């Protein structure tokens, strides 16, 4: 049975261990927990039979200027342990995140990487009703314009929004 809860300090080592395969560190989750305590971020953790299988975070005041200026919370760092994928865990995490965002905002935002590693996420977001925000893509936080060169890495992003009515 899947349970989705907020990250607790006691969960940090388990989460870091579960996601070590994706080069995630315990330090990152300690920072997330501190930001959650400060009300800046909410971390949703999915467990199946008490085993960590996924998480995502909601950043209430994102760094992406168009989202921040429009008070659109951003779903960030959405991950499911590879062996738990294709079991609707990601869908349930997104459902819960959108439910929580809806309490504060009529719109949810998310950024998605543009190279093949993000293919499943790209499909999921489109199928859930997310559409590009119309501002193009960014690389390392800066908008790319015609003729600009960019490296295809985790920071080459297309920004999407979804109305939560």
N, C-alpha and C. Protein backbone atom coordinates (compact mmCIF):
# COMPACT_ATOMS: atom_id res chain seq x y z
N UNK A 1 0.84 -1.18 0.00
CA UNK A 1 0.00 0.00 0.00
C UNK A 1 0.88 1.24 0.00
N UNK A 2 0.51 2.23 -0.80
CA UNK A 2 1.29 3.45 -0.91
C UNK A 2 0.81 4.48 0.10
N UNK A 3 1.76 5.10 0.78
CA UNK A 3 1.47 6.19 1.71
C UNK A 3 2.28 7.39 1.27
N UNK A 4 1.63 8.56 1.23
CA UNK A 4 2.31 9.80 0.91
C UNK A 4 2.23 10.71 2.13
N UNK A 5 3.40 11.11 2.61
CA UNK A 5 3.50 11.95 3.79
C UNK A 5 4.49 13.08 3.52
N UNK A 6 4.52 14.04 4.43
CA UNK A 6 5.57 15.05 4.36
C UNK A 6 6.86 14.44 4.90
N UNK A 7 7.98 14.92 4.38
CA UNK A 7 9.28 14.46 4.84
C UNK A 7 9.45 14.79 6.33
N UNK A 8 9.89 13.80 7.08
CA UNK A 8 10.25 13.99 8.49
C UNK A 8 11.77 13.87 8.61
N UNK A 9 12.32 14.46 9.62
CA UNK A 9 13.77 14.39 9.80
C UNK A 9 14.24 12.94 9.87
N UNK A 10 13.44 12.08 10.49
CA UNK A 10 13.79 10.67 10.62
C UNK A 10 13.82 9.94 9.28
N UNK A 11 13.24 10.53 8.23
CA UNK A 11 13.20 9.91 6.90
C UNK A 11 14.45 10.18 6.08
N UNK A 12 15.23 11.16 6.45
CA UNK A 12 16.30 11.68 5.58
C UNK A 12 17.29 10.60 5.16
N UNK A 13 17.78 9.81 6.07
CA UNK A 13 18.77 8.78 5.72
C UNK A 13 18.15 7.76 4.77
N UNK A 14 16.91 7.35 5.03
CA UNK A 14 16.23 6.39 4.15
C UNK A 14 16.07 6.94 2.73
N UNK A 15 15.72 8.22 2.62
CA UNK A 15 15.53 8.83 1.31
C UNK A 15 16.87 8.90 0.58
N UNK A 16 17.90 9.35 1.28
CA UNK A 16 19.22 9.46 0.66
C UNK A 16 19.72 8.09 0.20
N UNK A 17 19.48 7.07 0.98
CA UNK A 17 19.89 5.72 0.61
C UNK A 17 19.12 5.24 -0.62
N UNK A 18 17.82 5.47 -0.65
CA UNK A 18 16.99 5.03 -1.78
C UNK A 18 17.39 5.72 -3.07
N UNK A 19 17.84 6.98 -2.99
CA UNK A 19 18.14 7.74 -4.20
C UNK A 19 19.63 7.92 -4.45
N UNK A 20 20.46 7.20 -3.72
CA UNK A 20 21.91 7.25 -3.97
C UNK A 20 22.22 6.85 -5.41
N UNK A 21 21.43 5.94 -5.96
CA UNK A 21 21.62 5.50 -7.34
C UNK A 21 21.46 6.66 -8.33
N UNK A 22 20.75 7.70 -7.95
CA UNK A 22 20.56 8.87 -8.80
C UNK A 22 21.47 10.04 -8.38
N UNK A 23 22.52 9.71 -7.62
CA UNK A 23 23.50 10.71 -7.16
C UNK A 23 22.87 11.81 -6.31
N UNK A 24 21.92 11.44 -5.47
CA UNK A 24 21.30 12.38 -4.53
C UNK A 24 21.98 12.20 -3.18
N UNK A 25 22.19 13.30 -2.47
CA UNK A 25 22.94 13.24 -1.21
C UNK A 25 22.05 13.50 0.00
N UNK A 26 22.48 12.98 1.12
CA UNK A 26 21.78 13.23 2.38
C UNK A 26 21.75 14.73 2.67
N UNK A 27 22.79 15.43 2.31
CA UNK A 27 22.87 16.88 2.52
C UNK A 27 21.72 17.61 1.81
N UNK A 28 21.42 17.17 0.60
CA UNK A 28 20.30 17.77 -0.15
C UNK A 28 18.99 17.63 0.62
N UNK A 29 18.74 16.45 1.15
CA UNK A 29 17.49 16.21 1.87
C UNK A 29 17.46 16.95 3.21
N UNK A 30 18.59 17.14 3.83
CA UNK A 30 18.64 17.95 5.06
C UNK A 30 18.29 19.40 4.74
N UNK A 31 18.78 19.90 3.60
CA UNK A 31 18.43 21.26 3.18
C UNK A 31 16.94 21.35 2.88
N UNK A 32 16.40 20.35 2.18
CA UNK A 32 14.96 20.33 1.89
C UNK A 32 14.15 20.35 3.19
N UNK A 33 14.58 19.54 4.16
CA UNK A 33 13.84 19.49 5.42
C UNK A 33 13.88 20.85 6.11
N UNK A 34 15.04 21.50 6.13
CA UNK A 34 15.16 22.82 6.75
C UNK A 34 14.26 23.83 6.03
N UNK A 35 14.22 23.77 4.70
CA UNK A 35 13.35 24.68 3.94
C UNK A 35 11.87 24.37 4.19
N UNK A 36 11.57 23.10 4.40
CA UNK A 36 10.19 22.74 4.74
C UNK A 36 9.82 23.31 6.11
N UNK A 37 10.74 23.22 7.07
CA UNK A 37 10.51 23.78 8.40
C UNK A 37 10.29 25.29 8.34
N UNK A 38 10.95 25.94 7.38
CA UNK A 38 10.83 27.40 7.21
C UNK A 38 9.63 27.80 6.35
N UNK A 39 8.89 26.82 5.83
CA UNK A 39 7.71 27.12 5.01
C UNK A 39 8.02 27.49 3.57
N UNK A 40 9.25 27.28 3.13
CA UNK A 40 9.64 27.63 1.76
C UNK A 40 9.38 26.50 0.77
N UNK A 41 9.38 25.28 1.27
CA UNK A 41 9.29 24.09 0.42
C UNK A 41 8.46 23.06 1.17
N UNK A 42 7.73 22.26 0.42
CA UNK A 42 7.04 21.12 1.01
C UNK A 42 7.55 19.88 0.29
N UNK A 43 7.95 18.87 1.05
CA UNK A 43 8.49 17.64 0.48
C UNK A 43 7.50 16.53 0.72
N UNK A 44 7.02 15.94 -0.37
CA UNK A 44 6.08 14.82 -0.29
C UNK A 44 6.85 13.53 -0.56
N UNK A 45 6.73 12.59 0.35
CA UNK A 45 7.48 11.34 0.30
C UNK A 45 6.51 10.18 0.12
N UNK A 46 6.79 9.31 -0.85
CA UNK A 46 5.97 8.12 -1.09
C UNK A 46 6.70 6.90 -0.56
N UNK A 47 5.95 6.09 0.20
CA UNK A 47 6.48 4.83 0.72
C UNK A 47 5.52 3.71 0.34
N UNK A 48 6.10 2.59 -0.02
CA UNK A 48 5.32 1.39 -0.29
C UNK A 48 5.81 0.33 0.69
N UNK A 49 4.91 -0.16 1.52
CA UNK A 49 5.28 -1.12 2.56
C UNK A 49 6.49 -0.63 3.35
N UNK A 50 6.45 0.65 3.72
CA UNK A 50 7.47 1.31 4.53
C UNK A 50 8.82 1.49 3.81
N UNK A 51 8.86 1.23 2.49
CA UNK A 51 10.09 1.43 1.73
C UNK A 51 9.95 2.70 0.89
N UNK A 52 10.94 3.59 0.97
CA UNK A 52 10.91 4.83 0.20
C UNK A 52 10.91 4.48 -1.29
N UNK A 53 9.94 5.05 -2.03
CA UNK A 53 9.89 4.76 -3.46
C UNK A 53 9.79 6.01 -4.32
N UNK A 54 9.55 7.17 -3.73
CA UNK A 54 9.50 8.39 -4.54
C UNK A 54 9.29 9.62 -3.70
N UNK A 55 9.51 10.77 -4.32
CA UNK A 55 9.25 12.04 -3.64
C UNK A 55 9.17 13.14 -4.69
N UNK A 56 8.64 14.25 -4.27
CA UNK A 56 8.73 15.49 -5.03
C UNK A 56 8.67 16.63 -4.05
N UNK A 57 9.04 17.81 -4.52
CA UNK A 57 8.97 18.97 -3.65
C UNK A 57 8.12 20.05 -4.31
N UNK A 58 7.51 20.86 -3.49
CA UNK A 58 6.76 22.03 -3.95
C UNK A 58 7.50 23.25 -3.39
N UNK A 59 7.93 24.13 -4.27
CA UNK A 59 8.57 25.37 -3.85
C UNK A 59 7.53 26.47 -3.98
N UNK A 60 7.22 27.09 -2.86
CA UNK A 60 6.12 28.05 -2.83
C UNK A 60 6.47 29.38 -3.49
N UNK A 61 7.73 29.77 -3.47
CA UNK A 61 8.17 30.99 -4.14
C UNK A 61 9.39 30.61 -5.00
N UNK A 62 9.15 30.19 -6.24
CA UNK A 62 10.23 29.66 -7.09
C UNK A 62 11.23 30.73 -7.54
N UNK A 63 12.39 30.26 -7.96
CA UNK A 63 13.41 31.14 -8.53
C UNK A 63 13.04 31.60 -9.94
N UNK A 64 12.30 30.77 -10.69
CA UNK A 64 11.91 31.13 -12.06
C UNK A 64 11.01 32.36 -11.99
N UNK A 65 11.51 33.48 -12.48
CA UNK A 65 10.87 34.78 -12.31
C UNK A 65 9.40 34.81 -12.73
N UNK A 66 9.01 34.30 -13.91
CA UNK A 66 7.59 34.35 -14.27
C UNK A 66 6.67 33.62 -13.28
N UNK A 67 7.12 32.50 -12.73
CA UNK A 67 6.32 31.80 -11.72
C UNK A 67 6.29 32.61 -10.42
N UNK A 68 7.45 33.09 -10.00
CA UNK A 68 7.51 33.85 -8.76
C UNK A 68 6.63 35.10 -8.84
N UNK A 69 6.73 35.84 -9.95
CA UNK A 69 5.95 37.07 -10.11
C UNK A 69 4.45 36.82 -10.15
N UNK A 70 4.05 35.66 -10.66
CA UNK A 70 2.63 35.32 -10.75
C UNK A 70 2.15 34.48 -9.57
N UNK A 71 3.01 34.28 -8.57
CA UNK A 71 2.70 33.47 -7.38
C UNK A 71 2.26 32.05 -7.76
N UNK A 72 2.98 31.46 -8.72
CA UNK A 72 2.72 30.08 -9.15
C UNK A 72 3.71 29.16 -8.45
N UNK A 73 3.25 28.31 -7.54
CA UNK A 73 4.16 27.34 -6.91
C UNK A 73 4.72 26.39 -7.97
N UNK A 74 5.95 25.94 -7.72
CA UNK A 74 6.62 25.06 -8.68
C UNK A 74 6.89 23.68 -8.07
N UNK A 75 6.51 22.66 -8.81
CA UNK A 75 6.87 21.29 -8.44
C UNK A 75 8.31 21.09 -8.92
N UNK A 76 9.17 20.64 -8.02
CA UNK A 76 10.58 20.45 -8.33
C UNK A 76 11.06 19.09 -7.86
N UNK A 77 12.15 18.66 -8.46
CA UNK A 77 12.88 17.46 -8.04
C UNK A 77 11.95 16.27 -7.81
N UNK A 78 11.24 15.90 -8.84
CA UNK A 78 10.26 14.82 -8.83
C UNK A 78 10.97 13.54 -9.24
N UNK A 79 11.04 12.57 -8.33
CA UNK A 79 11.78 11.34 -8.58
C UNK A 79 11.06 10.12 -8.03
N UNK A 80 11.14 9.04 -8.78
CA UNK A 80 10.67 7.73 -8.34
C UNK A 80 11.85 6.77 -8.49
N UNK A 81 12.08 5.96 -7.46
CA UNK A 81 13.15 4.96 -7.51
C UNK A 81 12.94 4.11 -8.77
N UNK A 82 13.99 3.91 -9.57
CA UNK A 82 13.81 3.20 -10.84
C UNK A 82 13.03 1.88 -10.75
N UNK A 83 13.27 1.07 -9.76
CA UNK A 83 12.56 -0.22 -9.70
C UNK A 83 11.09 -0.09 -9.32
N UNK A 84 10.65 1.12 -8.90
CA UNK A 84 9.25 1.36 -8.56
C UNK A 84 8.49 2.10 -9.66
N UNK A 85 9.16 2.38 -10.76
CA UNK A 85 8.51 3.13 -11.83
C UNK A 85 7.47 2.28 -12.54
N UNK A 86 6.53 2.98 -13.19
CA UNK A 86 5.45 2.35 -13.96
C UNK A 86 4.46 1.62 -13.04
N UNK A 87 4.28 2.16 -11.82
CA UNK A 87 3.31 1.63 -10.85
C UNK A 87 2.36 2.72 -10.36
N UNK A 88 2.32 3.85 -11.09
CA UNK A 88 1.44 4.99 -10.78
C UNK A 88 1.85 5.74 -9.51
N UNK A 89 3.06 5.51 -9.01
CA UNK A 89 3.52 6.22 -7.83
C UNK A 89 3.71 7.70 -8.17
N UNK A 90 4.31 7.98 -9.31
CA UNK A 90 4.48 9.36 -9.74
C UNK A 90 3.16 10.07 -9.92
N UNK A 91 2.19 9.38 -10.47
CA UNK A 91 0.86 9.95 -10.65
C UNK A 91 0.25 10.31 -9.30
N UNK A 92 0.38 9.42 -8.33
CA UNK A 92 -0.18 9.70 -7.01
C UNK A 92 0.55 10.85 -6.31
N UNK A 93 1.85 10.94 -6.49
CA UNK A 93 2.59 12.07 -5.93
C UNK A 93 2.13 13.38 -6.57
N UNK A 94 1.97 13.38 -7.90
CA UNK A 94 1.51 14.59 -8.59
C UNK A 94 0.10 14.96 -8.16
N UNK A 95 -0.78 13.96 -7.99
CA UNK A 95 -2.15 14.24 -7.53
C UNK A 95 -2.12 14.97 -6.18
N UNK A 96 -1.30 14.46 -5.27
CA UNK A 96 -1.22 15.06 -3.94
C UNK A 96 -0.61 16.46 -4.00
N UNK A 97 0.43 16.62 -4.81
CA UNK A 97 1.05 17.94 -4.95
C UNK A 97 0.05 18.95 -5.50
N UNK A 98 -0.68 18.58 -6.53
CA UNK A 98 -1.65 19.50 -7.13
C UNK A 98 -2.77 19.83 -6.14
N UNK A 99 -3.16 18.87 -5.35
CA UNK A 99 -4.18 19.11 -4.32
C UNK A 99 -3.69 20.16 -3.32
N UNK A 100 -2.45 20.04 -2.90
CA UNK A 100 -1.89 20.99 -1.93
C UNK A 100 -1.67 22.37 -2.56
N UNK A 101 -1.22 22.39 -3.79
CA UNK A 101 -1.03 23.67 -4.48
C UNK A 101 -2.36 24.38 -4.66
N UNK A 102 -3.38 23.63 -5.00
CA UNK A 102 -4.72 24.21 -5.24
C UNK A 102 -5.23 24.99 -4.02
N UNK A 103 -4.77 24.65 -2.84
CA UNK A 103 -5.17 25.37 -1.62
C UNK A 103 -4.58 26.78 -1.57
N UNK A 104 -3.54 27.05 -2.36
CA UNK A 104 -2.86 28.35 -2.33
C UNK A 104 -2.88 29.08 -3.67
N UNK A 105 -3.05 28.33 -4.77
CA UNK A 105 -2.92 28.93 -6.09
C UNK A 105 -3.82 28.21 -7.09
N UNK A 106 -4.36 28.93 -8.07
CA UNK A 106 -5.17 28.27 -9.10
C UNK A 106 -4.32 27.61 -10.19
N UNK A 107 -2.98 27.76 -10.09
CA UNK A 107 -2.09 27.25 -11.14
C UNK A 107 -0.88 26.57 -10.52
N UNK A 108 -0.45 25.48 -11.14
CA UNK A 108 0.79 24.80 -10.75
C UNK A 108 1.80 24.97 -11.87
N UNK A 109 3.06 25.05 -11.51
CA UNK A 109 4.13 25.15 -12.50
C UNK A 109 5.13 24.04 -12.32
N UNK A 110 5.82 23.73 -13.41
CA UNK A 110 6.87 22.72 -13.36
C UNK A 110 7.82 22.97 -14.52
N UNK A 111 9.09 22.68 -14.30
CA UNK A 111 10.08 22.75 -15.37
C UNK A 111 10.48 21.34 -15.74
N UNK A 112 10.71 21.11 -17.03
CA UNK A 112 11.09 19.77 -17.47
C UNK A 112 12.32 19.87 -18.36
N UNK A 113 13.26 18.96 -18.12
CA UNK A 113 14.46 18.90 -18.94
C UNK A 113 14.12 18.50 -20.36
N UNK A 114 15.03 18.82 -21.28
CA UNK A 114 14.73 18.63 -22.70
C UNK A 114 15.45 17.47 -23.36
N UNK A 115 16.34 16.79 -22.67
CA UNK A 115 16.98 15.66 -23.35
C UNK A 115 16.31 14.34 -22.97
N UNK A 116 16.74 13.26 -23.60
CA UNK A 116 16.01 11.98 -23.54
C UNK A 116 15.77 11.44 -22.14
N UNK A 117 16.62 11.73 -21.18
CA UNK A 117 16.41 11.23 -19.82
C UNK A 117 15.09 11.73 -19.23
N UNK A 118 14.56 12.81 -19.76
CA UNK A 118 13.32 13.39 -19.26
C UNK A 118 12.10 13.00 -20.10
N UNK A 119 12.26 12.07 -21.02
CA UNK A 119 11.16 11.69 -21.91
C UNK A 119 9.91 11.24 -21.17
N UNK A 120 10.06 10.39 -20.17
CA UNK A 120 8.88 9.91 -19.42
C UNK A 120 8.20 11.06 -18.69
N UNK A 121 8.99 11.96 -18.10
CA UNK A 121 8.41 13.12 -17.41
C UNK A 121 7.70 14.03 -18.39
N UNK A 122 8.30 14.26 -19.55
CA UNK A 122 7.66 15.11 -20.57
C UNK A 122 6.27 14.57 -20.92
N UNK A 123 6.21 13.27 -21.15
CA UNK A 123 4.92 12.64 -21.50
C UNK A 123 3.92 12.75 -20.34
N UNK A 124 4.37 12.45 -19.13
CA UNK A 124 3.50 12.51 -17.97
C UNK A 124 2.90 13.89 -17.81
N UNK A 125 3.71 14.93 -17.90
CA UNK A 125 3.22 16.29 -17.67
C UNK A 125 2.20 16.69 -18.74
N UNK A 126 2.47 16.35 -19.99
CA UNK A 126 1.52 16.68 -21.06
C UNK A 126 0.21 15.93 -20.85
N UNK A 127 0.29 14.65 -20.52
CA UNK A 127 -0.92 13.86 -20.28
C UNK A 127 -1.72 14.37 -19.08
N UNK A 128 -1.05 15.02 -18.15
CA UNK A 128 -1.73 15.59 -16.97
C UNK A 128 -2.28 16.99 -17.24
N UNK A 129 -2.05 17.53 -18.43
CA UNK A 129 -2.61 18.83 -18.78
C UNK A 129 -1.66 20.01 -18.64
N UNK A 130 -0.40 19.76 -18.43
CA UNK A 130 0.58 20.85 -18.37
C UNK A 130 0.91 21.30 -19.79
N UNK A 131 1.02 22.62 -19.98
CA UNK A 131 1.37 23.18 -21.29
C UNK A 131 2.50 24.20 -21.12
N UNK A 132 3.29 24.42 -22.17
CA UNK A 132 4.36 25.41 -22.06
C UNK A 132 3.81 26.78 -21.67
N UNK A 133 4.60 27.50 -20.89
CA UNK A 133 4.16 28.83 -20.45
C UNK A 133 4.33 29.89 -21.53
N UNK A 134 4.89 29.51 -22.67
CA UNK A 134 5.01 30.43 -23.80
C UNK A 134 6.23 31.33 -23.77
N UNK A 135 7.14 31.08 -22.84
CA UNK A 135 8.33 31.94 -22.73
C UNK A 135 9.59 31.26 -23.25
N UNK A 136 9.45 30.12 -23.88
CA UNK A 136 10.61 29.42 -24.42
C UNK A 136 11.33 28.59 -23.38
N UNK A 137 12.61 28.39 -23.61
CA UNK A 137 13.41 27.55 -22.73
C UNK A 137 14.47 28.39 -22.03
N UNK A 138 14.95 27.82 -20.93
CA UNK A 138 16.03 28.47 -20.19
C UNK A 138 17.20 27.49 -20.04
N UNK A 139 18.36 28.05 -19.82
CA UNK A 139 19.54 27.26 -19.50
C UNK A 139 20.22 27.93 -18.32
N UNK A 140 20.34 27.18 -17.23
CA UNK A 140 20.94 27.70 -16.00
C UNK A 140 20.27 28.99 -15.57
N UNK A 141 18.95 29.05 -15.72
CA UNK A 141 18.16 30.18 -15.25
C UNK A 141 18.03 31.34 -16.21
N UNK A 142 18.70 31.30 -17.35
CA UNK A 142 18.62 32.39 -18.32
C UNK A 142 17.86 31.96 -19.56
N UNK A 143 17.00 32.84 -20.05
CA UNK A 143 16.24 32.54 -21.26
C UNK A 143 17.17 32.45 -22.45
N UNK A 144 16.90 31.46 -23.31
CA UNK A 144 17.66 31.32 -24.55
C UNK A 144 16.93 32.05 -25.67
N UNK A 145 17.70 32.73 -26.49
CA UNK A 145 17.15 33.44 -27.64
C UNK A 145 17.69 32.81 -28.92
N UNK A 146 17.12 33.22 -30.03
CA UNK A 146 17.53 32.71 -31.34
C UNK A 146 19.05 32.83 -31.48
N UNK A 147 19.70 31.74 -31.86
CA UNK A 147 21.14 31.74 -32.09
C UNK A 147 21.98 31.42 -30.87
N UNK A 148 21.38 31.40 -29.69
CA UNK A 148 22.14 31.06 -28.49
C UNK A 148 22.51 29.58 -28.50
N UNK A 149 23.65 29.26 -27.96
CA UNK A 149 24.07 27.87 -27.81
C UNK A 149 23.87 27.47 -26.35
N UNK A 150 23.52 26.20 -26.15
CA UNK A 150 23.33 25.71 -24.78
C UNK A 150 23.76 24.25 -24.70
N UNK A 151 24.18 23.87 -23.54
CA UNK A 151 24.55 22.48 -23.27
C UNK A 151 23.29 21.72 -22.86
N UNK A 152 23.11 20.52 -23.41
CA UNK A 152 21.97 19.68 -23.04
C UNK A 152 22.30 19.01 -21.71
N UNK A 153 21.86 19.64 -20.62
CA UNK A 153 22.08 19.09 -19.29
C UNK A 153 20.80 19.27 -18.47
N UNK A 154 20.86 19.02 -17.19
CA UNK A 154 19.68 19.10 -16.34
C UNK A 154 19.11 20.52 -16.23
N UNK A 155 19.89 21.51 -16.62
CA UNK A 155 19.44 22.90 -16.51
C UNK A 155 18.92 23.48 -17.81
N UNK A 156 18.75 22.67 -18.85
CA UNK A 156 18.10 23.10 -20.08
C UNK A 156 16.63 22.72 -19.91
N UNK A 157 15.77 23.75 -19.71
CA UNK A 157 14.42 23.51 -19.20
C UNK A 157 13.35 24.22 -20.02
N UNK A 158 12.24 23.52 -20.21
CA UNK A 158 11.00 24.10 -20.73
C UNK A 158 10.04 24.20 -19.55
N UNK A 159 9.42 25.37 -19.39
CA UNK A 159 8.54 25.63 -18.25
C UNK A 159 7.09 25.43 -18.63
N UNK A 160 6.36 24.73 -17.78
CA UNK A 160 4.97 24.35 -18.04
C UNK A 160 4.06 24.80 -16.90
N UNK A 161 2.82 25.04 -17.22
CA UNK A 161 1.83 25.36 -16.19
C UNK A 161 0.57 24.56 -16.43
N UNK A 162 -0.22 24.46 -15.37
CA UNK A 162 -1.50 23.76 -15.43
C UNK A 162 -2.50 24.49 -14.55
N UNK A 163 -3.67 24.86 -15.11
CA UNK A 163 -4.71 25.40 -14.25
C UNK A 163 -5.29 24.30 -13.38
N UNK A 164 -5.56 24.60 -12.12
CA UNK A 164 -6.04 23.60 -11.16
C UNK A 164 -7.48 23.82 -10.77
N UNK A 165 -8.30 24.28 -11.68
CA UNK A 165 -9.71 24.54 -11.34
C UNK A 165 -10.50 23.26 -11.20
